[in-house]
PDB file of N, CA and C in Angstrom:
ATOM      1  N   MET A   1      28.984 -54.559 -41.253  1.00  0.00           N
ATOM      2  CA  MET A   1      29.964 -55.584 -41.541  1.00  0.00           C
ATOM      3  C   MET A   1      31.185 -55.450 -40.623  1.00  0.00           C
ATOM      4  N   LYS A   2      31.602 -54.223 -40.390  1.00  0.00           N
ATOM      5  CA  LYS A   2      32.753 -53.992 -39.533  1.00  0.00           C
ATOM      6  C   LYS A   2      32.462 -54.434 -38.094  1.00  0.00           C
ATOM      7  N   PHE A   3      31.205 -54.254 -37.654  1.00  0.00           N
ATOM      8  CA  PHE A   3      30.814 -54.669 -36.310  1.00  0.00           C
ATOM      9  C   PHE A   3      30.952 -56.183 -36.153  1.00  0.00           C
ATOM     10  N   LYS A   4      30.568 -56.935 -37.185  1.00  0.00           N
ATOM     11  CA  LYS A   4      30.678 -58.393 -37.130  1.00  0.00           C
ATOM     12  C   LYS A   4      32.127 -58.832 -36.986  1.00  0.00           C
ATOM     13  N   ILE A   5      33.010 -58.206 -37.731  1.00  0.00           N
ATOM     14  CA  ILE A   5      34.424 -58.570 -37.672  1.00  0.00           C
ATOM     15  C   ILE A   5      34.992 -58.282 -36.291  1.00  0.00           C
ATOM     16  N   ILE A   6      34.667 -57.137 -35.735  1.00  0.00           N
ATOM     17  CA  ILE A   6      35.145 -56.783 -34.398  1.00  0.00           C
ATOM     18  C   ILE A   6      34.586 -57.744 -33.359  1.00  0.00           C
ATOM     19  N   LEU A   7      33.304 -58.083 -33.471  1.00  0.00           N
ATOM     20  CA  LEU A   7      32.687 -59.027 -32.536  1.00  0.00           C
ATOM     21  C   LEU A   7      33.343 -60.404 -32.620  1.00  0.00           C
ATOM     22  N   ILE A   8      33.604 -60.865 -33.814  1.00  0.00           N
ATOM     23  CA  ILE A   8      34.260 -62.169 -33.986  1.00  0.00           C
ATOM     24  C   ILE A   8      35.666 -62.134 -33.401  1.00  0.00           C
ATOM     25  N   MET A   9      36.393 -61.049 -33.621  1.00  0.00           N
ATOM     26  CA  MET A   9      37.747 -60.933 -33.069  1.00  0.00           C
ATOM     27  C   MET A   9      37.731 -60.937 -31.545  1.00  0.00           C
ATOM     28  N   VAL A  10      36.770 -60.236 -30.950  1.00  0.00           N
ATOM     29  CA  VAL A  10      36.658 -60.208 -29.489  1.00  0.00           C
ATOM     30  C   VAL A  10      36.325 -61.602 -28.961  1.00  0.00           C
ATOM     31  N   LEU A  11      35.412 -62.300 -29.621  1.00  0.00           N
ATOM     32  CA  LEU A  11      35.051 -63.651 -29.182  1.00  0.00           C
ATOM     33  C   LEU A  11      36.222 -64.616 -29.308  1.00  0.00           C
ATOM     34  N   VAL A  12      37.005 -64.491 -30.360  1.00  0.00           N
ATOM     35  CA  VAL A  12      38.174 -65.356 -30.524  1.00  0.00           C
ATOM     36  C   VAL A  12      39.201 -65.078 -29.426  1.00  0.00           C
ATOM     37  N   VAL A  13      39.414 -63.831 -29.094  1.00  0.00           N
ATOM     38  CA  VAL A  13      40.354 -63.485 -28.023  1.00  0.00           C
ATOM     39  C   VAL A  13      39.858 -64.031 -26.682  1.00  0.00           C
ATOM     40  N   LEU A  14      38.574 -63.861 -26.391  1.00  0.00           N
ATOM     41  CA  LEU A  14      38.015 -64.390 -25.138  1.00  0.00           C
ATOM     42  C   LEU A  14      38.115 -65.910 -25.089  1.00  0.00           C
ATOM     43  N   PHE A  15      37.844 -66.574 -26.202  1.00  0.00           N
ATOM     44  CA  PHE A  15      37.958 -68.030 -26.263  1.00  0.00           C
ATOM     45  C   PHE A  15      39.397 -68.464 -26.027  1.00  0.00           C
ATOM     46  N   THR A  16      40.333 -67.749 -26.623  1.00  0.00           N
ATOM     47  CA  THR A  16      41.749 -68.082 -26.459  1.00  0.00           C
ATOM     48  C   THR A  16      42.185 -67.931 -25.010  1.00  0.00           C
ATOM     49  N   ILE A  17      41.754 -66.871 -24.356  1.00  0.00           N
ATOM     50  CA  ILE A  17      42.083 -66.671 -22.940  1.00  0.00           C
ATOM     51  C   ILE A  17      41.469 -67.781 -22.089  1.00  0.00           C
ATOM     52  N   PHE A  18      40.216 -68.106 -22.354  1.00  0.00           N
ATOM     53  CA  PHE A  18      39.525 -69.159 -21.595  1.00  0.00           C
ATOM     54  C   PHE A  18      40.215 -70.507 -21.759  1.00  0.00           C
ATOM     55  N   VAL A  19      40.565 -70.840 -22.981  1.00  0.00           N
ATOM     56  CA  VAL A  19      41.185 -72.134 -23.249  1.00  0.00           C
ATOM     57  C   VAL A  19      42.591 -72.197 -22.656  1.00  0.00           C
ATOM     58  N   SER A  20      43.338 -71.112 -22.738  1.00  0.00           N
ATOM     59  CA  SER A  20      44.712 -71.137 -22.235  1.00  0.00           C
ATOM     60  C   SER A  20      44.777 -71.289 -20.719  1.00  0.00           C
ATOM     61  N   GLN A  21      43.701 -71.013 -20.020  1.00  0.00           N
ATOM     62  CA  GLN A  21      43.678 -71.185 -18.571  1.00  0.00           C
ATOM     63  C   GLN A  21      43.366 -72.621 -18.162  1.00  0.00           C
ATOM     64  N   ASN A  22      42.983 -73.452 -19.115  1.00  0.00           N
ATOM     65  CA  ASN A  22      42.627 -74.846 -18.827  1.00  0.00           C
ATOM     66  C   ASN A  22      43.592 -75.779 -19.543  1.00  0.00           C
ATOM     67  N   THR A  23      44.777 -75.954 -18.961  1.00  0.00           N
ATOM     68  CA  THR A  23      45.824 -76.722 -19.631  1.00  0.00           C
ATOM     69  C   THR A  23      45.996 -78.135 -19.092  1.00  0.00           C
ATOM     70  N   ASN A  24      45.216 -78.534 -18.106  1.00  0.00           N
ATOM     71  CA  ASN A  24      45.410 -79.853 -17.507  1.00  0.00           C
ATOM     72  C   ASN A  24      44.944 -80.971 -18.442  1.00  0.00           C
ATOM     73  N   VAL A  25      45.463 -82.169 -18.194  1.00  0.00           N
ATOM     74  CA  VAL A  25      45.117 -83.347 -18.983  1.00  0.00           C
ATOM     75  C   VAL A  25      43.959 -84.060 -18.290  1.00  0.00           C
ATOM     76  N   ILE A  26      42.958 -84.437 -19.072  1.00  0.00           N
ATOM     77  CA  ILE A  26      41.778 -85.091 -18.515  1.00  0.00           C
ATOM     78  C   ILE A  26      41.492 -86.392 -19.268  1.00  0.00           C
ATOM     79  N   PRO A  27      40.867 -87.353 -18.606  1.00  0.00           N
ATOM     80  CA  PRO A  27      40.464 -88.573 -19.322  1.00  0.00           C
ATOM     81  C   PRO A  27      39.198 -88.308 -20.143  1.00  0.00           C
ATOM     82  N   VAL A  28      39.176 -88.857 -21.355  1.00  0.00           N
ATOM     83  CA  VAL A  28      38.042 -88.671 -22.254  1.00  0.00           C
ATOM     84  C   VAL A  28      37.502 -90.047 -22.627  1.00  0.00           C
ATOM     85  N   ASN A  29      36.204 -90.239 -22.467  1.00  0.00           N
ATOM     86  CA  ASN A  29      35.546 -91.489 -22.840  1.00  0.00           C
ATOM     87  C   ASN A  29      34.570 -91.207 -23.987  1.00  0.00           C
ATOM     88  N   VAL A  30      34.823 -91.808 -25.134  1.00  0.00           N
ATOM     89  CA  VAL A  30      33.944 -91.660 -26.290  1.00  0.00           C
ATOM     90  C   VAL A  30      33.498 -93.054 -26.686  1.00  0.00           C
ATOM     91  N   PHE A  31      32.258 -93.357 -26.377  1.00  0.00           N
ATOM     92  CA  PHE A  31      31.682 -94.679 -26.617  1.00  0.00           C
ATOM     93  C   PHE A  31      32.571 -95.754 -26.007  1.00  0.00           C
ATOM     94  N   ILE A  32      33.333 -96.495 -26.801  1.00  0.00           N
ATOM     95  CA  ILE A  32      34.171 -97.565 -26.244  1.00  0.00           C
ATOM     96  C   ILE A  32      35.629 -97.169 -26.117  1.00  0.00           C
ATOM     97  N   TRP A  33      36.004 -96.006 -26.630  1.00  0.00           N
ATOM     98  CA  TRP A  33      37.392 -95.554 -26.578  1.00  0.00           C
ATOM     99  C   TRP A  33      37.633 -94.734 -25.314  1.00  0.00           C
ATOM    100  N   LYS A  34      38.796 -94.965 -24.719  1.00  0.00           N
ATOM    101  CA  LYS A  34      39.203 -94.189 -23.547  1.00  0.00           C
ATOM    102  C   LYS A  34      40.621 -93.686 -23.785  1.00  0.00           C
ATOM    103  N   PHE A  35      40.806 -92.389 -23.642  1.00  0.00           N
ATOM    104  CA  PHE A  35      42.129 -91.811 -23.807  1.00  0.00           C
ATOM    105  C   PHE A  35      42.227 -90.524 -23.010  1.00  0.00           C
ATOM    106  N   GLN A  36      43.443 -89.998 -22.903  1.00  0.00           N
ATOM    107  CA  GLN A  36      43.659 -88.751 -22.181  1.00  0.00           C
ATOM    108  C   GLN A  36      44.011 -87.658 -23.177  1.00  0.00           C
ATOM    109  N   MET A  37      43.499 -86.469 -22.890  1.00  0.00           N
ATOM    110  CA  MET A  37      43.686 -85.360 -23.812  1.00  0.00           C
ATOM    111  C   MET A  37      43.765 -84.066 -23.010  1.00  0.00           C
ATOM    112  N   SER A  38      44.516 -83.128 -23.529  1.00  0.00           N
ATOM    113  CA  SER A  38      44.593 -81.814 -22.907  1.00  0.00           C
ATOM    114  C   SER A  38      43.247 -81.101 -23.068  1.00  0.00           C
ATOM    115  N   THR A  39      42.872 -80.353 -22.064  1.00  0.00           N
ATOM    116  CA  THR A  39      41.608 -79.621 -22.113  1.00  0.00           C
ATOM    117  C   THR A  39      41.601 -78.607 -23.248  1.00  0.00           C
ATOM    118  N   ILE A  40      42.765 -78.024 -23.549  1.00  0.00           N
ATOM    119  CA  ILE A  40      42.868 -77.065 -24.651  1.00  0.00           C
ATOM    120  C   ILE A  40      42.466 -77.718 -25.962  1.00  0.00           C
ATOM    121  N   VAL A  41      43.003 -78.902 -26.211  1.00  0.00           N
ATOM    122  CA  VAL A  41      42.709 -79.606 -27.463  1.00  0.00           C
ATOM    123  C   VAL A  41      41.239 -79.989 -27.523  1.00  0.00           C
ATOM    124  N   LEU A  42      40.710 -80.514 -26.422  1.00  0.00           N
ATOM    125  CA  LEU A  42      39.314 -80.939 -26.394  1.00  0.00           C
ATOM    126  C   LEU A  42      38.361 -79.776 -26.637  1.00  0.00           C
ATOM    127  N   MET A  43      38.596 -78.642 -25.973  1.00  0.00           N
ATOM    128  CA  MET A  43      37.721 -77.477 -26.172  1.00  0.00           C
ATOM    129  C   MET A  43      37.861 -76.898 -27.573  1.00  0.00           C
ATOM    130  N   SER A  44      39.063 -76.890 -28.104  1.00  0.00           N
ATOM    131  CA  SER A  44      39.258 -76.376 -29.463  1.00  0.00           C
ATOM    132  C   SER A  44      38.548 -77.246 -30.490  1.00  0.00           C
ATOM    133  N   ILE A  45      38.671 -78.557 -30.352  1.00  0.00           N
ATOM    134  CA  ILE A  45      37.984 -79.470 -31.270  1.00  0.00           C
ATOM    135  C   ILE A  45      36.480 -79.286 -31.174  1.00  0.00           C
ATOM    136  N   THR A  46      35.962 -79.209 -29.961  1.00  0.00           N
ATOM    137  CA  THR A  46      34.529 -79.023 -29.758  1.00  0.00           C
ATOM    138  C   THR A  46      34.056 -77.703 -30.353  1.00  0.00           C
ATOM    139  N   PHE A  47      34.837 -76.651 -30.176  1.00  0.00           N
ATOM    140  CA  PHE A  47      34.495 -75.335 -30.716  1.00  0.00           C
ATOM    141  C   PHE A  47      34.414 -75.368 -32.239  1.00  0.00           C
ATOM    142  N   PHE A  48      35.423 -75.952 -32.879  1.00  0.00           N
ATOM    143  CA  PHE A  48      35.435 -75.972 -34.340  1.00  0.00           C
ATOM    144  C   PHE A  48      34.376 -76.901 -34.924  1.00  0.00           C
ATOM    145  N   ILE A  49      34.058 -77.986 -34.236  1.00  0.00           N
ATOM    146  CA  ILE A  49      32.950 -78.847 -34.676  1.00  0.00           C
ATOM    147  C   ILE A  49      31.636 -78.075 -34.580  1.00  0.00           C
ATOM    148  N   GLY A  50      31.462 -77.312 -33.513  1.00  0.00           N
ATOM    149  CA  GLY A  50      30.260 -76.490 -33.368  1.00  0.00           C
ATOM    150  C   GLY A  50      30.154 -75.427 -34.446  1.00  0.00           C
ATOM    151  N   LEU A  51      31.274 -74.779 -34.772  1.00  0.00           N
ATOM    152  CA  LEU A  51      31.269 -73.797 -35.859  1.00  0.00           C
ATOM    153  C   LEU A  51      30.897 -74.443 -37.185  1.00  0.00           C
ATOM    154  N   LEU A  52      31.491 -75.598 -37.455  1.00  0.00           N
ATOM    155  CA  LEU A  52      31.218 -76.296 -38.705  1.00  0.00           C
ATOM    156  C   LEU A  52      29.756 -76.722 -38.801  1.00  0.00           C
ATOM    157  N   LEU A  53      29.218 -77.289 -37.735  1.00  0.00           N
ATOM    158  CA  LEU A  53      27.811 -77.689 -37.731  1.00  0.00           C
ATOM    159  C   LEU A  53      26.884 -76.488 -37.861  1.00  0.00           C
ATOM    160  N   GLY A  54      27.210 -75.406 -37.194  1.00  0.00           N
ATOM    161  CA  GLY A  54      26.407 -74.193 -37.307  1.00  0.00           C
ATOM    162  C   GLY A  54      26.407 -73.649 -38.722  1.00  0.00           C
ATOM    163  N   PHE A  55      27.565 -73.658 -39.368  1.00  0.00           N
ATOM    164  CA  PHE A  55      27.662 -73.188 -40.749  1.00  0.00           C
ATOM    165  C   PHE A  55      26.850 -74.081 -41.689  1.00  0.00           C
ATOM    166  N   ILE A  56      26.962 -75.391 -41.509  1.00  0.00           N
ATOM    167  CA  ILE A  56      26.232 -76.333 -42.368  1.00  0.00           C
ATOM    168  C   ILE A  56      24.729 -76.180 -42.182  1.00  0.00           C
ATOM    169  N   ILE A  57      24.269 -76.130 -40.937  1.00  0.00           N
ATOM    170  CA  ILE A  57      22.838 -76.007 -40.670  1.00  0.00           C
ATOM    171  C   ILE A  57      22.300 -74.682 -41.187  1.00  0.00           C
ATOM    172  N   THR A  58      23.066 -73.609 -41.000  1.00  0.00           N
ATOM    173  CA  THR A  58      22.630 -72.305 -41.486  1.00  0.00           C
ATOM    174  C   THR A  58      22.547 -72.281 -43.008  1.00  0.00           C
ATOM    175  N   SER A  59      23.505 -72.910 -43.673  1.00  0.00           N
ATOM    176  CA  SER A  59      23.479 -72.905 -45.134  1.00  0.00           C
ATOM    177  C   SER A  59      22.360 -73.793 -45.672  1.00  0.00           C
ATOM    178  N   LEU A  60      22.017 -74.863 -44.961  1.00  0.00           N
ATOM    179  CA  LEU A  60      20.941 -75.747 -45.426  1.00  0.00           C
ATOM    180  C   LEU A  60      19.554 -75.200 -45.106  1.00  0.00           C
ATOM    181  N   TYR A  61      19.398 -74.660 -43.909  1.00  0.00           N
ATOM    182  CA  TYR A  61      18.084 -74.223 -43.454  1.00  0.00           C
ATOM    183  C   TYR A  61      18.014 -72.723 -43.199  1.00  0.00           C
ATOM    184  N   GLY A  62      18.819 -71.952 -43.910  1.00  0.00           N
ATOM    185  CA  GLY A  62      18.834 -70.505 -43.738  1.00  0.00           C
ATOM    186  C   GLY A  62      17.532 -69.890 -44.204  1.00  0.00           C
ATOM    187  N   SER A  63      17.450 -68.582 -44.159  1.00  0.00           N
ATOM    188  CA  SER A  63      16.212 -67.914 -44.537  1.00  0.00           C
ATOM    189  C   SER A  63      15.914 -68.130 -46.016  1.00  0.00           C
ATOM    190  N   PRO A  64      14.661 -68.395 -46.373  1.00  0.00           N
ATOM    191  CA  PRO A  64      14.293 -68.622 -47.772  1.00  0.00           C
ATOM    192  C   PRO A  64      14.555 -67.403 -48.650  1.00  0.00           C
ATOM    193  N   LYS A  65      14.477 -66.214 -48.085  1.00  0.00           N
ATOM    194  CA  LYS A  65      14.722 -65.001 -48.865  1.00  0.00           C
ATOM    195  C   LYS A  65      16.163 -64.956 -49.365  1.00  0.00           C
ATOM    196  N   LYS A  66      17.107 -65.365 -48.514  1.00  0.00           N
ATOM    197  CA  LYS A  66      18.500 -65.374 -48.932  1.00  0.00           C
ATOM    198  C   LYS A  66      18.723 -66.408 -50.037  1.00  0.00           C
ATOM    199  N   ARG A  67      18.095 -67.577 -49.910  1.00  0.00           N
ATOM    200  CA  ARG A  67      18.262 -68.605 -50.933  1.00  0.00           C
ATOM    201  C   ARG A  67      17.684 -68.149 -52.263  1.00  0.00           C
ATOM    202  N   GLU A  68      16.530 -67.462 -52.239  1.00  0.00           N
ATOM    203  CA  GLU A  68      15.946 -66.962 -53.474  1.00  0.00           C
ATOM    204  C   GLU A  68      16.838 -65.898 -54.089  1.00  0.00           C
ATOM    205  N   LYS A  69      17.392 -65.052 -53.266  1.00  0.00           N
ATOM    206  CA  LYS A  69      18.239 -63.961 -53.747  1.00  0.00           C
ATOM    207  C   LYS A  69      19.494 -64.516 -54.415  1.00  0.00           C
ATOM    208  N   THR A  70      20.120 -65.512 -53.798  1.00  0.00           N
ATOM    209  CA  THR A  70      21.345 -66.072 -54.365  1.00  0.00           C
ATOM    210  C   THR A  70      21.040 -66.871 -55.614  1.00  0.00           C
ATOM    211  N   SER A  71      19.890 -67.536 -55.688  1.00  0.00           N
ATOM    212  CA  SER A  71      19.572 -68.311 -56.891  1.00  0.00           C
ATOM    213  C   SER A  71      19.232 -67.401 -58.065  1.00  0.00           C
ATOM    214  N   LYS A  72      18.684 -66.218 -57.801  1.00  0.00           N
ATOM    215  CA  LYS A  72      18.387 -65.264 -58.864  1.00  0.00           C
ATOM    216  C   LYS A  72      19.659 -64.631 -59.410  1.00  0.00           C
ATOM    217  N   GLU A  73      20.672 -64.472 -58.558  1.00  0.00           N
ATOM    218  CA  GLU A  73      21.924 -63.858 -58.988  1.00  0.00           C
ATOM    219  C   GLU A  73      22.719 -64.764 -59.905  1.00  0.00           C
ATOM    220  N   ILE A  74      22.540 -66.055 -59.769  1.00  0.00           N
ATOM    221  CA  ILE A  74      23.300 -67.020 -60.576  1.00  0.00           C
ATOM    222  C   ILE A  74      22.752 -67.119 -61.935  1.00  0.00           C
TER     223      ILE A  74
END
C-alpha cells in the first residue's frame, strides 16, 4: 500500500513539472466550438477526465473476485 502512495506522489510531481513547462495558449477546436486555452488547463482537464473514466471503467468491469468479495462483506 505504501508503494502505491509513493508511486502516485511521484507521478503527480512528474505531471506537475511536465504541465508547468507548457504554459502557452493554443487554439482548441471541439466539434463546432473554437476557443483558446492554456496548455496547462487543457492537459489538466484531459488528465482528470482520464482518471475519472479509468475509475468508472475499473469499478464497472473490475475483477469478478473483488466484486464477489465486496458483496459478501455487505
